[in-house]
PDB file of N, CA and C in Angstrom:
ATOM      1  N   UNK A   1       7.976  22.747  16.390  1.00  0.00           N
ATOM      2  CA  UNK A   1       7.226  22.236  17.682  1.00  0.00           C
ATOM      3  C   UNK A   1       6.737  23.425  18.305  1.00  0.00           C
ATOM      4  N   UNK A   2       5.525  23.288  19.067  1.00  0.00           N
ATOM      5  CA  UNK A   2       5.039  24.365  19.910  1.00  0.00           C
ATOM      6  C   UNK A   2       6.108  24.576  21.035  1.00  0.00           C
ATOM      7  N   UNK A   3       6.211  25.658  21.487  1.00  0.00           N
ATOM      8  CA  UNK A   3       7.145  26.143  22.541  1.00  0.00           C
ATOM      9  C   UNK A   3       7.171  25.246  23.927  1.00  0.00           C
ATOM     10  N   UNK A   4       5.866  24.932  24.200  1.00  0.00           N
ATOM     11  CA  UNK A   4       5.757  24.183  25.536  1.00  0.00           C
ATOM     12  C   UNK A   4       6.228  22.722  25.264  1.00  0.00           C
ATOM     13  N   UNK A   5       6.458  22.280  24.046  1.00  0.00           N
ATOM     14  CA  UNK A   5       7.031  20.855  23.961  1.00  0.00           C
ATOM     15  C   UNK A   5       8.465  20.852  23.228  1.00  0.00           C
ATOM     16  N   UNK A   6       9.203  21.961  23.286  1.00  0.00           N
ATOM     17  CA  UNK A   6      10.537  22.077  22.726  1.00  0.00           C
ATOM     18  C   UNK A   6      11.459  21.070  23.196  1.00  0.00           C
ATOM     19  N   UNK A   7      11.339  20.635  24.474  1.00  0.00           N
ATOM     20  CA  UNK A   7      12.298  19.724  25.116  1.00  0.00           C
ATOM     21  C   UNK A   7      11.847  18.282  24.976  1.00  0.00           C
ATOM     22  N   UNK A   8      10.820  18.011  24.255  1.00  0.00           N
ATOM     23  CA  UNK A   8      10.337  16.605  24.101  1.00  0.00           C
ATOM     24  C   UNK A   8      10.344  16.174  22.559  1.00  0.00           C
ATOM     25  N   UNK A   9      10.455  14.857  22.361  1.00  0.00           N
ATOM     26  CA  UNK A   9      10.319  14.253  20.992  1.00  0.00           C
ATOM     27  C   UNK A   9       8.877  13.998  20.680  1.00  0.00           C
ATOM     28  N   UNK A  10       8.168  14.837  19.953  1.00  0.00           N
ATOM     29  CA  UNK A  10       6.789  14.731  19.751  1.00  0.00           C
ATOM     30  C   UNK A  10       6.413  14.137  18.364  1.00  0.00           C
ATOM     31  N   UNK A  11       5.235  13.680  18.327  1.00  0.00           N
ATOM     32  CA  UNK A  11       4.614  13.280  17.092  1.00  0.00           C
ATOM     33  C   UNK A  11       3.063  13.630  17.082  1.00  0.00           C
ATOM     34  N   UNK A  12       2.584  13.704  15.872  1.00  0.00           N
ATOM     35  CA  UNK A  12       1.105  13.981  15.795  1.00  0.00           C
ATOM     36  C   UNK A  12       0.450  12.847  15.009  1.00  0.00           C
ATOM     37  N   UNK A  13      -0.603  12.477  15.352  1.00  0.00           N
ATOM     38  CA  UNK A  13      -1.392  11.332  14.703  1.00  0.00           C
ATOM     39  C   UNK A  13      -2.548  11.745  14.173  1.00  0.00           C
ATOM     40  N   UNK A  14      -2.907  11.051  13.124  1.00  0.00           N
ATOM     41  CA  UNK A  14      -4.243  11.258  12.508  1.00  0.00           C
ATOM     42  C   UNK A  14      -5.190  10.272  13.000  1.00  0.00           C
ATOM     43  N   UNK A  15      -6.501  10.488  12.858  1.00  0.00           N
ATOM     44  CA  UNK A  15      -7.531   9.582  13.449  1.00  0.00           C
ATOM     45  C   UNK A  15      -8.444   9.155  12.232  1.00  0.00           C
ATOM     46  N   UNK A  16      -8.909   7.805  12.207  1.00  0.00           N
ATOM     47  CA  UNK A  16      -9.783   7.376  11.242  1.00  0.00           C
ATOM     48  C   UNK A  16     -10.970   6.520  12.055  1.00  0.00           C
ATOM     49  N   UNK A  17     -12.038   6.455  11.316  1.00  0.00           N
ATOM     50  CA  UNK A  17     -13.261   5.557  11.680  1.00  0.00           C
ATOM     51  C   UNK A  17     -13.175   4.487  10.959  1.00  0.00           C
ATOM     52  N   UNK A  18     -13.238   3.198  11.647  1.00  0.00           N
ATOM     53  CA  UNK A  18     -13.332   1.962  11.048  1.00  0.00           C
ATOM     54  C   UNK A  18     -14.830   1.509  11.109  1.00  0.00           C
ATOM     55  N   UNK A  19     -15.561   1.353   9.925  1.00  0.00           N
ATOM     56  CA  UNK A  19     -16.954   1.152   9.956  1.00  0.00           C
ATOM     57  C   UNK A  19     -17.429  -0.203  10.517  1.00  0.00           C
ATOM     58  N   UNK A  20     -16.582  -1.260  10.220  1.00  0.00           N
ATOM     59  CA  UNK A  20     -17.087  -2.553  10.707  1.00  0.00           C
ATOM     60  C   UNK A  20     -15.698  -3.498  10.910  1.00  0.00           C
ATOM     61  N   UNK A  21     -15.967  -4.461  11.597  1.00  0.00           N
ATOM     62  CA  UNK A  21     -14.802  -5.561  11.671  1.00  0.00           C
ATOM     63  C   UNK A  21     -14.509  -6.003  10.217  1.00  0.00           C
ATOM     64  N   UNK A  22     -13.201  -6.045   9.926  1.00  0.00           N
ATOM     65  CA  UNK A  22     -12.683  -6.536   8.653  1.00  0.00           C
ATOM     66  C   UNK A  22     -12.682  -5.437   7.570  1.00  0.00           C
ATOM     67  N   UNK A  23     -13.215  -4.251   7.861  1.00  0.00           N
ATOM     68  CA  UNK A  23     -13.376  -3.084   6.880  1.00  0.00           C
ATOM     69  C   UNK A  23     -11.909  -2.500   6.856  1.00  0.00           C
ATOM     70  N   UNK A  24     -11.821  -1.540   5.884  1.00  0.00           N
ATOM     71  CA  UNK A  24     -10.415  -0.797   5.770  1.00  0.00           C
ATOM     72  C   UNK A  24     -10.296   0.193   6.853  1.00  0.00           C
ATOM     73  N   UNK A  25      -9.289   0.092   7.631  1.00  0.00           N
ATOM     74  CA  UNK A  25      -9.255   1.028   8.731  1.00  0.00           C
ATOM     75  C   UNK A  25      -8.932   2.464   8.393  1.00  0.00           C
ATOM     76  N   UNK A  26      -8.430   2.656   7.036  1.00  0.00           N
ATOM     77  CA  UNK A  26      -8.134   4.008   6.588  1.00  0.00           C
ATOM     78  C   UNK A  26      -9.053   4.551   5.687  1.00  0.00           C
ATOM     79  N   UNK A  27     -10.269   3.976   5.629  1.00  0.00           N
ATOM     80  CA  UNK A  27     -11.196   4.393   4.566  1.00  0.00           C
ATOM     81  C   UNK A  27     -11.845   5.893   4.924  1.00  0.00           C
ATOM     82  N   UNK A  28     -11.921   6.140   6.180  1.00  0.00           N
ATOM     83  CA  UNK A  28     -12.545   7.418   6.613  1.00  0.00           C
ATOM     84  C   UNK A  28     -11.852   8.203   7.506  1.00  0.00           C
ATOM     85  N   UNK A  29     -11.104   9.220   7.133  1.00  0.00           N
ATOM     86  CA  UNK A  29     -10.240  10.136   7.858  1.00  0.00           C
ATOM     87  C   UNK A  29     -11.080  11.029   8.730  1.00  0.00           C
ATOM     88  N   UNK A  30     -10.914  11.261   9.872  1.00  0.00           N
ATOM     89  CA  UNK A  30     -11.480  12.318  10.718  1.00  0.00           C
ATOM     90  C   UNK A  30     -10.707  13.587  10.682  1.00  0.00           C
ATOM     91  N   UNK A  31     -11.117  14.424   9.865  1.00  0.00           N
ATOM     92  CA  UNK A  31     -10.360  15.711   9.507  1.00  0.00           C
ATOM     93  C   UNK A  31     -10.259  16.586  10.756  1.00  0.00           C
ATOM     94  N   UNK A  32      -9.097  17.081  11.162  1.00  0.00           N
ATOM     95  CA  UNK A  32      -8.873  18.004  12.132  1.00  0.00           C
ATOM     96  C   UNK A  32      -8.597  17.254  13.549  1.00  0.00           C
ATOM     97  N   UNK A  33      -8.815  16.032  13.624  1.00  0.00           N
ATOM     98  CA  UNK A  33      -8.614  15.335  14.977  1.00  0.00           C
ATOM     99  C   UNK A  33      -7.210  14.802  15.065  1.00  0.00           C
ATOM    100  N   UNK A  34      -6.358  15.327  15.935  1.00  0.00           N
ATOM    101  CA  UNK A  34      -5.042  14.745  15.998  1.00  0.00           C
ATOM    102  C   UNK A  34      -4.685  14.633  17.527  1.00  0.00           C
ATOM    103  N   UNK A  35      -3.834  13.673  17.729  1.00  0.00           N
ATOM    104  CA  UNK A  35      -3.303  13.384  19.185  1.00  0.00           C
ATOM    105  C   UNK A  35      -1.806  13.856  18.956  1.00  0.00           C
ATOM    106  N   UNK A  36      -1.280  14.550  20.026  1.00  0.00           N
ATOM    107  CA  UNK A  36       0.099  14.976  20.158  1.00  0.00           C
ATOM    108  C   UNK A  36       0.577  14.120  21.359  1.00  0.00           C
ATOM    109  N   UNK A  37       1.658  13.435  20.932  1.00  0.00           N
ATOM    110  CA  UNK A  37       2.224  12.382  21.745  1.00  0.00           C
ATOM    111  C   UNK A  37       3.637  12.480  22.027  1.00  0.00           C
ATOM    112  N   UNK A  38       4.133  12.368  23.187  1.00  0.00           N
ATOM    113  CA  UNK A  38       5.649  12.398  23.505  1.00  0.00           C
ATOM    114  C   UNK A  38       6.075  11.009  23.284  1.00  0.00           C
ATOM    115  N   UNK A  39       6.814  10.865  22.228  1.00  0.00           N
ATOM    116  CA  UNK A  39       7.337   9.528  21.768  1.00  0.00           C
ATOM    117  C   UNK A  39       8.253   8.821  22.599  1.00  0.00           C
ATOM    118  N   UNK A  40       8.994   9.515  23.449  1.00  0.00           N
ATOM    119  CA  UNK A  40       9.924   8.993  24.361  1.00  0.00           C
ATOM    120  C   UNK A  40       9.219   8.421  25.592  1.00  0.00           C
ATOM    121  N   UNK A  41       8.328   9.208  26.122  1.00  0.00           N
ATOM    122  CA  UNK A  41       7.568   8.911  27.277  1.00  0.00           C
ATOM    123  C   UNK A  41       6.283   8.047  27.061  1.00  0.00           C
ATOM    124  N   UNK A  42       6.029   8.014  25.747  1.00  0.00           N
ATOM    125  CA  UNK A  42       4.603   7.384  25.266  1.00  0.00           C
ATOM    126  C   UNK A  42       3.460   8.067  26.063  1.00  0.00           C
ATOM    127  N   UNK A  43       3.457   9.279  26.202  1.00  0.00           N
ATOM    128  CA  UNK A  43       2.555  10.033  26.871  1.00  0.00           C
ATOM    129  C   UNK A  43       1.694  10.931  26.002  1.00  0.00           C
ATOM    130  N   UNK A  44       0.471  10.891  26.097  1.00  0.00           N
ATOM    131  CA  UNK A  44      -0.527  11.821  25.366  1.00  0.00           C
ATOM    132  C   UNK A  44      -0.496  13.210  25.962  1.00  0.00           C
ATOM    133  N   UNK A  45      -0.056  14.169  25.182  1.00  0.00           N
ATOM    134  CA  UNK A  45       0.162  15.536  25.726  1.00  0.00           C
ATOM    135  C   UNK A  45      -1.066  16.348  25.370  1.00  0.00           C
ATOM    136  N   UNK A  46      -1.655  16.111  24.297  1.00  0.00           N
ATOM    137  CA  UNK A  46      -2.793  17.074  23.903  1.00  0.00           C
ATOM    138  C   UNK A  46      -3.627  16.386  22.764  1.00  0.00           C
ATOM    139  N   UNK A  47      -4.825  16.635  22.822  1.00  0.00           N
ATOM    140  CA  UNK A  47      -5.866  16.400  21.744  1.00  0.00           C
ATOM    141  C   UNK A  47      -6.213  17.560  21.017  1.00  0.00           C
ATOM    142  N   UNK A  48      -5.924  17.705  19.703  1.00  0.00           N
ATOM    143  CA  UNK A  48      -6.266  18.793  18.951  1.00  0.00           C
ATOM    144  C   UNK A  48      -7.660  18.499  18.037  1.00  0.00           C
ATOM    145  N   UNK A  49      -8.592  19.238  18.330  1.00  0.00           N
ATOM    146  CA  UNK A  49      -9.752  18.982  17.572  1.00  0.00           C
ATOM    147  C   UNK A  49     -10.185  20.271  16.900  1.00  0.00           C
ATOM    148  N   UNK A  50      -9.581  20.475  15.631  1.00  0.00           N
ATOM    149  CA  UNK A  50      -9.806  21.812  14.973  1.00  0.00           C
ATOM    150  C   UNK A  50     -10.407  21.596  13.623  1.00  0.00           C
ATOM    151  N   UNK A  51     -10.992  20.319  13.305  1.00  0.00           N
ATOM    152  CA  UNK A  51     -11.676  20.112  12.105  1.00  0.00           C
ATOM    153  C   UNK A  51     -13.054  20.709  12.032  1.00  0.00           C
ATOM    154  N   UNK A  52     -13.631  20.555  10.898  1.00  0.00           N
ATOM    155  CA  UNK A  52     -15.053  21.103  10.615  1.00  0.00           C
ATOM    156  C   UNK A  52     -16.092  20.481  11.690  1.00  0.00           C
ATOM    157  N   UNK A  53     -15.723  19.384  12.225  1.00  0.00           N
ATOM    158  CA  UNK A  53     -16.789  18.735  13.201  1.00  0.00           C
ATOM    159  C   UNK A  53     -16.707  19.220  14.460  1.00  0.00           C
ATOM    160  N   UNK A  54     -15.620  19.889  14.864  1.00  0.00           N
ATOM    161  CA  UNK A  54     -15.320  20.434  16.307  1.00  0.00           C
ATOM    162  C   UNK A  54     -16.475  21.423  16.591  1.00  0.00           C
ATOM    163  N   UNK A  55     -17.038  22.139  15.570  1.00  0.00           N
ATOM    164  CA  UNK A  55     -18.096  23.117  15.868  1.00  0.00           C
ATOM    165  C   UNK A  55     -19.472  22.581  15.734  1.00  0.00           C
ATOM    166  N   UNK A  56     -19.571  21.073  15.698  1.00  0.00           N
ATOM    167  CA  UNK A  56     -20.930  20.535  15.656  1.00  0.00           C
ATOM    168  C   UNK A  56     -21.425  20.263  14.226  1.00  0.00           C
ATOM    169  N   UNK A  57     -20.649  20.528  13.243  1.00  0.00           N
ATOM    170  CA  UNK A  57     -20.971  20.261  11.858  1.00  0.00           C
ATOM    171  C   UNK A  57     -21.197  18.787  11.806  1.00  0.00           C
ATOM    172  N   UNK A  58     -22.367  18.224  10.891  1.00  0.00           N
ATOM    173  CA  UNK A  58     -22.504  16.841  10.773  1.00  0.00           C
ATOM    174  C   UNK A  58     -21.450  16.291   9.949  1.00  0.00           C
ATOM    175  N   UNK A  59     -21.143  14.935  10.242  1.00  0.00           N
ATOM    176  CA  UNK A  59     -19.955  14.233   9.462  1.00  0.00           C
ATOM    177  C   UNK A  59     -20.590  13.787   8.336  1.00  0.00           C
ATOM    178  N   UNK A  60     -19.955  14.151   7.176  1.00  0.00           N
ATOM    179  CA  UNK A  60     -20.376  13.659   5.749  1.00  0.00           C
ATOM    180  C   UNK A  60     -20.215  12.232   5.594  1.00  0.00           C
ATOM    181  N   UNK A  61     -21.153  11.595   4.800  1.00  0.00           N
ATOM    182  CA  UNK A  61     -21.102  10.243   4.527  1.00  0.00           C
ATOM    183  C   UNK A  61     -19.979  10.121   3.461  1.00  0.00           C
ATOM    184  N   UNK A  62     -18.961   9.421   3.764  1.00  0.00           N
ATOM    185  CA  UNK A  62     -17.790   9.258   2.669  1.00  0.00           C
ATOM    186  C   UNK A  62     -17.586   7.766   2.593  1.00  0.00           C
ATOM    187  N   UNK A  63     -17.490   7.220   1.406  1.00  0.00           N
ATOM    188  CA  UNK A  63     -17.278   5.824   1.196  1.00  0.00           C
ATOM    189  C   UNK A  63     -15.920   5.649   0.585  1.00  0.00           C
ATOM    190  N   UNK A  64     -14.933   5.345   1.318  1.00  0.00           N
ATOM    191  CA  UNK A  64     -13.579   5.069   0.943  1.00  0.00           C
ATOM    192  C   UNK A  64     -13.043   3.668   1.027  1.00  0.00           C
ATOM    193  N   UNK A  65     -14.228   2.808   1.128  1.00  0.00           N
ATOM    194  CA  UNK A  65     -13.895   1.460   1.282  1.00  0.00           C
ATOM    195  C   UNK A  65     -13.525   0.785   0.057  1.00  0.00           C
ATOM    196  N   UNK A  66     -12.619  -0.238   0.142  1.00  0.00           N
ATOM    197  CA  UNK A  66     -12.269  -1.013  -1.091  1.00  0.00           C
ATOM    198  C   UNK A  66     -12.138  -2.471  -0.865  1.00  0.00           C
ATOM    199  N   UNK A  67     -12.529  -2.918   0.299  1.00  0.00           N
ATOM    200  CA  UNK A  67     -12.849  -4.422   0.677  1.00  0.00           C
ATOM    201  C   UNK A  67     -14.083  -4.717   0.123  1.00  0.00           C
ATOM    202  N   UNK A  68     -14.182  -5.615  -0.983  1.00  0.00           N
ATOM    203  CA  UNK A  68     -15.475  -5.955  -1.539  1.00  0.00           C
ATOM    204  C   UNK A  68     -16.619  -6.206  -0.801  1.00  0.00           C
ATOM    205  N   UNK A  69     -16.362  -7.017   0.358  1.00  0.00           N
ATOM    206  CA  UNK A  69     -17.609  -7.417   1.207  1.00  0.00           C
ATOM    207  C   UNK A  69     -18.221  -6.227   1.891  1.00  0.00           C
ATOM    208  N   UNK A  70     -17.478  -4.923   1.844  1.00  0.00           N
ATOM    209  CA  UNK A  70     -18.013  -3.823   2.614  1.00  0.00           C
ATOM    210  C   UNK A  70     -18.439  -2.688   1.743  1.00  0.00           C
ATOM    211  N   UNK A  71     -18.443  -2.875   0.387  1.00  0.00           N
ATOM    212  CA  UNK A  71     -18.829  -1.885  -0.519  1.00  0.00           C
ATOM    213  C   UNK A  71     -20.314  -2.070  -0.770  1.00  0.00           C
ATOM    214  N   UNK A  72     -21.148  -0.993  -0.701  1.00  0.00           N
ATOM    215  CA  UNK A  72     -22.568  -1.009  -0.725  1.00  0.00           C
ATOM    216  C   UNK A  72     -22.924  -1.585  -2.208  1.00  0.00           C
ATOM    217  N   UNK A  73     -23.901  -2.403  -2.325  1.00  0.00           N
ATOM    218  CA  UNK A  73     -24.326  -2.994  -3.617  1.00  0.00           C
ATOM    219  C   UNK A  73     -24.604  -1.988  -4.641  1.00  0.00           C
ATOM    220  N   UNK A  74     -25.208  -0.827  -4.203  1.00  0.00           N
ATOM    221  CA  UNK A  74     -25.513   0.371  -5.119  1.00  0.00           C
ATOM    222  C   UNK A  74     -24.208   0.700  -5.920  1.00  0.00           C
ATOM    223  N   UNK A  75     -23.174   0.784  -5.155  1.00  0.00           N
ATOM    224  CA  UNK A  75     -21.954   1.256  -5.790  1.00  0.00           C
ATOM    225  C   UNK A  75     -21.303   0.123  -6.574  1.00  0.00           C
ATOM    226  N   UNK A  76     -21.303  -1.097  -6.113  1.00  0.00           N
ATOM    227  CA  UNK A  76     -20.825  -2.076  -7.022  1.00  0.00           C
ATOM    228  C   UNK A  76     -21.576  -2.246  -8.240  1.00  0.00           C
ATOM    229  N   UNK A  77     -22.842  -2.166  -8.307  1.00  0.00           N
ATOM    230  CA  UNK A  77     -23.743  -2.185  -9.503  1.00  0.00           C
ATOM    231  C   UNK A  77     -23.455  -1.064 -10.519  1.00  0.00           C
ATOM    232  N   UNK A  78     -23.163   0.072  -9.894  1.00  0.00           N
ATOM    233  CA  UNK A  78     -22.955   1.251 -10.742  1.00  0.00           C
ATOM    234  C   UNK A  78     -21.597   1.117 -11.522  1.00  0.00           C
ATOM    235  N   UNK A  79     -20.647   0.297 -11.043  1.00  0.00           N
ATOM    236  CA  UNK A  79     -19.385   0.120 -11.636  1.00  0.00           C
ATOM    237  C   UNK A  79     -19.328  -0.869 -12.756  1.00  0.00           C
ATOM    238  N   UNK A  80     -20.380  -1.564 -12.998  1.00  0.00           N
ATOM    239  CA  UNK A  80     -20.320  -2.592 -14.009  1.00  0.00           C
ATOM    240  C   UNK A  80     -20.394  -1.907 -15.431  1.00  0.00           C
ATOM    241  N   UNK A  81     -19.482  -2.406 -16.321  1.00  0.00           N
ATOM    242  CA  UNK A  81     -19.315  -1.895 -17.678  1.00  0.00           C
ATOM    243  C   UNK A  81     -18.963  -3.014 -18.656  1.00  0.00           C
ATOM    244  N   UNK A  82     -18.890  -2.708 -19.834  1.00  0.00           N
ATOM    245  CA  UNK A  82     -18.485  -3.521 -20.837  1.00  0.00           C
ATOM    246  C   UNK A  82     -17.038  -3.823 -20.727  1.00  0.00           C
ATOM    247  N   UNK A  83     -16.574  -5.032 -21.113  1.00  0.00           N
ATOM    248  CA  UNK A  83     -15.222  -5.367 -21.077  1.00  0.00           C
ATOM    249  C   UNK A  83     -14.484  -4.502 -22.202  1.00  0.00           C
ATOM    250  N   UNK A  84     -13.405  -3.932 -21.955  1.00  0.00           N
ATOM    251  CA  UNK A  84     -12.567  -3.273 -22.944  1.00  0.00           C
ATOM    252  C   UNK A  84     -11.951  -4.133 -23.797  1.00  0.00           C
ATOM    253  N   UNK A  85     -11.866  -4.031 -25.197  1.00  0.00           N
ATOM    254  CA  UNK A  85     -11.210  -4.898 -26.045  1.00  0.00           C
ATOM    255  C   UNK A  85     -10.192  -4.225 -26.873  1.00  0.00           C
TER     256      UNK A  85
END
């Protein structure tokens, strides 16, 4: 743990973007964005933004969705294949 938090019970969180209601909440990780939390006090101690987007880089389009209603048609169509026998 960082020296300034040695006397605390801390945890780090990851962050995700949820594209739409009902979509997979873990489909798109926001790299490098973490919250440091005191777990006893339930207090936000620090937000760490050290990922590639902190410097203003554009966010890449990543499709990690697996809920069928939220998968783009172009991807569904590309996955059609003959049945294995």
